[in-house]
Amino acid sequence: LVSPFFMEATAIELTSVTDGRPLLTDNDSDEQLMIGCCRGPGSDGTGGIDGSDEHLGRSTSSPRSLGSSIQESTSAPWSCVVFKIALMVSGFLLVMLLVETYCEDIVADLSAAIMSYIGLPGLFLSVFVADGIPQPFTYVPLIFVAVKGAVSKPTVFLVCVIGSYSAALAGYAAGMNIRSLNCGDALFARISQKYPYVPDLMQRRGAVGVGLAALLPIPLAVATWTAGSFRVHFPHFLLAGLGRAPKIAVFVLLSNGPQQQPQMGAQDGATGAPAPVVTVVES
């Protein structure tokens, strides 16, 4: 029953309405029927299916393009980093110029009072806390205050570097052990979301990534904690932990100490005024 019907169906000849010529021969009709059975909605003339990936929700991107897009999203935005560094240095110079122009004496007296109160231990502790805990504040103004408070620049540099290096070691230890806590994964998830290029630096460059991250305008604790969680080679980390030293050196050199007041005797000699004479009269 099936084969006669199939034979009749394949023997159908299509003719043109205008001139009566056959549009398809027997062989052509067989081929067109087979192609028509294989075609579906939205198919093109070559047997392909247009937009099938889009209908099925499949991505047409190649694995290479996906990998490059992921690498771009996790790479450090160096143009933005350079802009932030330039903005920080320019702002520091502008504030220092305004202070020295309009309120030099007041700021110098206030800085001297602050340093006499906190001393070098307070400077060390401030730098240690600022670089040891992930927080957005910087201790750069405190460097300016210390230099303006008549503390020598080598002393300020040495104390700040020791405090920052101690904070780096403490941050490495914290990153190694914080994963075991319940809140550890959530904390590192927030850090990775806010600074996605930092874990990428640790994975690809190791201790070199720690040194690069220390130069960036980000909290040092973000780099050291991440390095500890990734178990960066510790002997190499001991050297990379000094990555904040160049940044500290720049701001120490840019800071100016208090202006030296000229001595009265030298001023009198320069103006030619006679020095006062004290006469003792014995009765």
Protein backbone atom coordinates (compact mmCIF):
# COMPACT_ATOMS: atom_id res chain seq x y z
CA LEU A 1 0.00 0.00 0.00
CA VAL A 2 2.83 2.39 0.75
CA SER A 3 5.05 1.85 -2.28
CA PRO A 4 2.43 2.64 -4.99
CA PHE A 5 1.52 5.82 -3.16
CA PHE A 6 5.19 6.80 -2.90
CA MET A 7 5.72 6.05 -6.57
CA GLU A 8 2.74 8.21 -7.49
CA ALA A 9 3.96 11.03 -5.27
CA THR A 10 7.40 11.06 -6.88
CA ALA A 11 5.96 10.97 -10.34
CA ILE A 12 4.08 14.25 -9.89
CA GLU A 13 5.24 16.80 -12.44
CA LEU A 14 5.02 20.53 -11.70
CA THR A 15 4.21 22.72 -14.69
CA SER A 16 4.32 26.47 -15.16
CA VAL A 17 1.08 28.36 -15.21
CA THR A 18 2.19 30.67 -18.05
CA ASP A 19 3.72 28.39 -20.69
CA GLY A 20 2.98 24.91 -19.42
CA ARG A 21 6.63 23.87 -19.32
CA PRO A 22 7.65 21.43 -16.55
CA LEU A 23 9.39 23.10 -13.67
CA LEU A 24 10.88 19.89 -12.26
CA THR A 25 11.88 16.68 -13.91
CA ASP A 26 11.42 13.33 -12.23
CA ASN A 27 14.99 13.32 -10.92
CA ASP A 28 14.79 16.94 -9.78
CA SER A 29 11.53 16.31 -7.95
CA ASP A 30 13.07 13.39 -6.09
CA GLU A 31 16.02 15.52 -4.99
CA GLN A 32 13.83 18.46 -3.99
CA LEU A 33 11.53 16.21 -1.98
CA MET A 34 14.48 14.76 -0.09
CA ILE A 35 15.88 18.23 0.59
CA GLY A 36 12.48 19.53 1.62
CA CYS A 37 12.07 16.71 4.13
CA CYS A 38 15.40 17.63 5.71
CA ARG A 39 14.67 21.33 5.86
CA GLY A 40 13.12 22.91 8.89
CA PRO A 41 11.91 26.35 9.86
CA GLY A 42 14.50 29.06 9.36
CA SER A 43 16.74 26.96 7.10
CA ASP A 44 18.71 28.48 4.23
CA GLY A 45 19.20 27.22 0.72
CA THR A 46 22.36 25.29 1.54
CA GLY A 47 20.82 22.98 4.07
CA GLY A 48 22.15 24.98 7.06
CA ILE A 49 19.93 26.29 9.80
CA ASP A 50 20.07 30.03 10.38
CA GLY A 51 19.95 31.26 13.95
CA SER A 52 19.75 27.80 15.48
CA ASP A 53 22.41 28.68 18.02
CA GLU A 54 20.53 31.82 18.92
CA HIS A 55 17.23 29.94 19.31
CA LEU A 56 18.89 27.33 21.51
CA GLY A 57 20.67 29.99 23.60
CA ARG A 58 24.10 28.83 22.51
CA SER A 59 27.02 31.24 22.29
CA THR A 60 28.67 31.60 18.90
CA SER A 61 31.91 32.93 20.42
CA SER A 62 35.01 30.82 20.12
CA PRO A 63 36.90 29.62 23.22
CA ARG A 64 39.80 31.88 22.26
CA SER A 65 37.59 34.98 22.28
CA LEU A 66 36.03 33.94 25.59
CA GLY A 67 39.47 33.47 27.14
CA SER A 68 40.65 36.85 25.92
CA SER A 69 37.56 38.57 27.33
CA ILE A 70 38.08 36.92 30.71
CA GLN A 71 41.74 37.93 30.71
CA GLU A 72 40.80 41.53 29.88
CA SER A 73 38.31 41.64 32.74
CA THR A 74 40.89 40.42 35.26
CA SER A 75 43.87 42.43 34.00
CA ALA A 76 44.86 45.56 35.85
CA PRO A 77 43.46 48.80 34.37
CA TRP A 78 46.90 50.34 33.96
CA SER A 79 45.67 53.57 32.38
CA CYS A 80 43.37 54.15 35.35
CA VAL A 81 46.16 53.21 37.77
CA VAL A 82 48.59 55.70 36.21
CA PHE A 83 45.91 58.39 36.33
CA LYS A 84 45.26 57.73 40.03
CA ILE A 85 48.97 57.86 40.87
CA ALA A 86 49.41 61.13 38.99
CA LEU A 87 46.31 62.56 40.66
CA MET A 88 47.57 61.54 44.12
CA VAL A 89 51.00 63.10 43.64
CA SER A 90 49.54 66.27 42.11
CA GLY A 91 47.03 66.63 44.94
CA PHE A 92 49.76 66.14 47.53
CA LEU A 93 51.92 68.83 45.95
CA LEU A 94 48.99 71.22 45.68
CA VAL A 95 48.00 70.80 49.32
CA MET A 96 51.59 71.21 50.46
CA LEU A 97 51.93 74.40 48.41
CA LEU A 98 48.74 75.87 49.87
CA VAL A 99 49.78 74.97 53.41
CA GLU A 100 53.23 76.52 53.08
CA THR A 101 51.79 79.65 51.47
CA TYR A 102 48.91 80.49 53.79
CA CYS A 103 49.32 78.65 57.10
CA GLU A 104 52.92 77.54 57.44
CA ASP A 105 53.36 78.45 61.11
CA ILE A 106 50.04 76.99 62.24
CA VAL A 107 50.62 73.66 60.45
CA ALA A 108 54.21 73.46 61.69
CA ASP A 109 53.16 74.01 65.31
CA LEU A 110 50.29 71.53 64.96
CA SER A 111 52.56 68.91 63.36
CA ALA A 112 55.14 69.35 66.12
CA ALA A 113 52.42 68.92 68.74
CA ILE A 114 51.11 65.74 67.07
CA MET A 115 54.56 64.18 66.80
CA SER A 116 55.43 65.08 70.38
CA TYR A 117 52.23 63.33 71.46
CA ILE A 118 52.40 60.12 69.37
CA GLY A 119 56.16 59.97 68.82
CA LEU A 120 57.86 57.46 66.55
CA PRO A 121 55.97 54.51 68.11
CA GLY A 122 52.69 56.17 67.15
CA LEU A 123 53.95 56.70 63.60
CA PHE A 124 54.95 53.03 63.38
CA LEU A 125 51.60 51.86 64.73
CA SER A 126 49.65 54.08 62.35
CA VAL A 127 51.50 52.73 59.32
CA PHE A 128 51.16 49.15 60.58
CA VAL A 129 47.38 49.45 60.98
CA ALA A 130 46.91 51.28 57.67
CA ASP A 131 48.86 48.64 55.69
CA GLY A 132 47.80 45.63 57.75
CA ILE A 133 44.01 45.98 57.47
CA PRO A 134 42.05 46.28 54.20
CA GLN A 135 40.73 49.84 54.47
CA PRO A 136 40.64 52.82 52.08
CA PHE A 137 42.62 55.34 54.17
CA THR A 138 46.27 56.24 53.59
CA TYR A 139 49.05 57.37 55.92
CA VAL A 140 50.58 59.79 53.39
CA PRO A 141 49.31 62.85 55.34
CA LEU A 142 51.02 61.45 58.43
CA ILE A 143 54.33 61.38 56.54
CA PHE A 144 53.90 65.07 55.81
CA VAL A 145 53.02 65.77 59.45
CA ALA A 146 56.08 63.88 60.70
CA VAL A 147 58.48 65.75 58.40
CA LYS A 148 56.79 69.07 59.14
CA GLY A 149 57.05 68.27 62.85
CA ALA A 150 60.86 68.46 62.64
CA VAL A 151 61.46 64.69 62.41
CA SER A 152 64.34 63.98 60.06
CA LYS A 153 63.46 62.48 56.68
CA PRO A 154 65.67 59.38 57.04
CA THR A 155 64.00 58.62 60.37
CA VAL A 156 60.51 59.02 58.92
CA PHE A 157 61.39 56.81 55.96
CA LEU A 158 62.91 54.08 58.12
CA VAL A 159 60.00 53.98 60.61
CA CYS A 160 57.38 53.91 57.84
CA VAL A 161 59.17 51.17 55.90
CA ILE A 162 59.52 49.01 59.02
CA GLY A 163 55.84 49.49 59.85
CA SER A 164 54.75 48.68 56.30
CA TYR A 165 57.00 45.61 56.08
CA SER A 166 55.72 44.31 59.42
CA ALA A 167 52.16 44.79 58.18
CA ALA A 168 53.00 42.85 55.00
CA LEU A 169 54.26 39.88 57.01
CA ALA A 170 51.20 39.99 59.26
CA GLY A 171 48.93 40.18 56.21
CA TYR A 172 50.56 37.11 54.68
CA ALA A 173 49.98 35.16 57.88
CA ALA A 174 46.37 36.38 58.05
CA GLY A 175 45.72 35.31 54.46
CA MET A 176 47.08 31.82 55.14
CA ASN A 177 44.80 31.24 58.12
CA ILE A 178 41.66 33.21 57.35
CA ARG A 179 40.45 30.66 54.80
CA SER A 180 39.72 28.26 57.64
CA LEU A 181 37.21 30.69 59.15
CA ASN A 182 33.56 30.78 58.17
CA CYS A 183 33.79 34.36 56.95
CA GLY A 184 37.05 33.82 55.05
CA ASP A 185 35.54 32.84 51.71
CA ALA A 186 33.04 35.69 51.83
CA LEU A 187 35.82 38.18 52.60
CA PHE A 188 38.00 37.05 49.73
CA ALA A 189 34.98 37.02 47.43
CA ARG A 190 34.41 40.70 48.20
CA ILE A 191 38.09 41.48 47.67
CA SER A 192 38.13 39.64 44.34
CA GLN A 193 35.00 41.45 43.24
CA LYS A 194 36.40 44.88 44.09
CA TYR A 195 39.96 44.22 42.91
CA PRO A 196 39.68 41.40 40.31
CA TYR A 197 43.18 41.98 38.94
CA VAL A 198 44.93 41.31 42.29
CA PRO A 199 44.25 37.53 42.39
CA ASP A 200 45.24 37.39 38.72
CA LEU A 201 48.59 39.04 39.56
CA MET A 202 49.20 36.52 42.34
CA GLN A 203 48.41 33.54 40.13
CA ARG A 204 50.42 34.64 37.09
CA ARG A 205 53.37 36.47 38.66
CA GLY A 206 53.60 35.24 42.25
CA ALA A 207 55.83 37.40 44.43
CA VAL A 208 56.41 39.82 41.54
CA GLY A 209 52.67 40.44 41.56
CA VAL A 210 52.90 41.34 45.25
CA GLY A 211 55.57 43.93 44.47
CA LEU A 212 53.52 45.37 41.61
CA ALA A 213 50.37 45.51 43.71
CA ALA A 214 52.30 47.31 46.47
CA LEU A 215 53.04 50.13 44.03
CA LEU A 216 49.39 50.47 42.99
CA PRO A 217 46.99 52.87 44.75
CA ILE A 218 45.21 50.05 46.57
CA PRO A 219 45.40 48.92 50.20
CA LEU A 220 48.54 46.86 50.77
CA ALA A 221 46.57 44.38 52.87
CA VAL A 222 44.58 43.36 49.79
CA ALA A 223 47.80 42.20 48.12
CA THR A 224 49.38 40.57 51.18
CA TRP A 225 46.25 38.78 52.32
CA THR A 226 45.66 37.45 48.80
CA ALA A 227 49.30 36.35 48.57
CA GLY A 228 48.95 34.42 51.81
CA SER A 229 45.75 32.73 50.65
CA PHE A 230 47.45 31.65 47.39
CA ARG A 231 50.53 30.43 49.31
CA VAL A 232 52.96 32.59 47.34
CA HIS A 233 56.54 31.36 47.81
CA PHE A 234 57.46 32.87 51.18
CA PRO A 235 61.22 33.52 50.59
CA HIS A 236 60.28 35.50 47.49
CA PHE A 237 57.53 37.27 49.41
CA LEU A 238 60.07 38.47 51.97
CA LEU A 239 61.65 40.57 49.23
CA ALA A 240 58.37 41.60 47.60
CA GLY A 241 57.07 42.87 50.94
CA LEU A 242 59.35 45.89 50.55
CA GLY A 243 57.33 47.05 47.56
CA ARG A 244 55.90 50.01 49.49
CA ALA A 245 59.37 51.48 50.12
CA PRO A 246 59.62 53.39 46.80
CA LYS A 247 56.20 54.97 47.35
CA ILE A 248 57.14 55.99 50.91
CA ALA A 249 60.44 57.43 49.67
CA VAL A 250 58.66 59.60 47.08
CA PHE A 251 56.34 61.22 49.62
CA VAL A 252 59.10 61.66 52.19
CA LEU A 253 61.24 63.48 49.63
CA LEU A 254 58.31 65.65 48.51
CA SER A 255 57.55 66.73 52.08
CA ASN A 256 59.23 69.88 53.39
CA GLY A 257 60.33 70.38 56.98
CA PRO A 258 59.60 73.47 59.07
CA GLN A 259 61.18 76.69 57.92
CA GLN A 260 64.20 77.66 60.00
CA GLN A 261 63.77 80.98 61.78
CA PRO A 262 66.85 83.21 61.45
CA GLN A 263 68.75 83.92 64.64
CA MET A 264 68.50 87.40 66.11
CA GLY A 265 72.27 87.93 66.24
CA ALA A 266 72.74 86.98 62.61
CA GLN A 267 69.85 89.23 61.60
CA ASP A 268 71.28 92.19 63.51
CA GLY A 269 74.69 91.64 61.93
CA ALA A 270 73.16 91.49 58.46
CA THR A 271 71.27 94.77 58.93
CA GLY A 272 74.23 96.54 60.55
CA ALA A 273 72.39 97.30 63.79
CA PRO A 274 74.68 97.48 66.82
CA ALA A 275 74.39 94.73 69.34
CA PRO A 276 72.95 95.76 72.67
CA VAL A 277 75.50 96.56 75.39
CA VAL A 278 74.77 95.57 78.97
CA THR A 279 76.46 97.67 81.62
CA VAL A 280 76.74 96.46 85.19
CA VAL A 281 77.02 99.16 87.81
CA GLU A 282 78.30 98.20 91.21
CA SER A 283 77.07 100.28 94.13
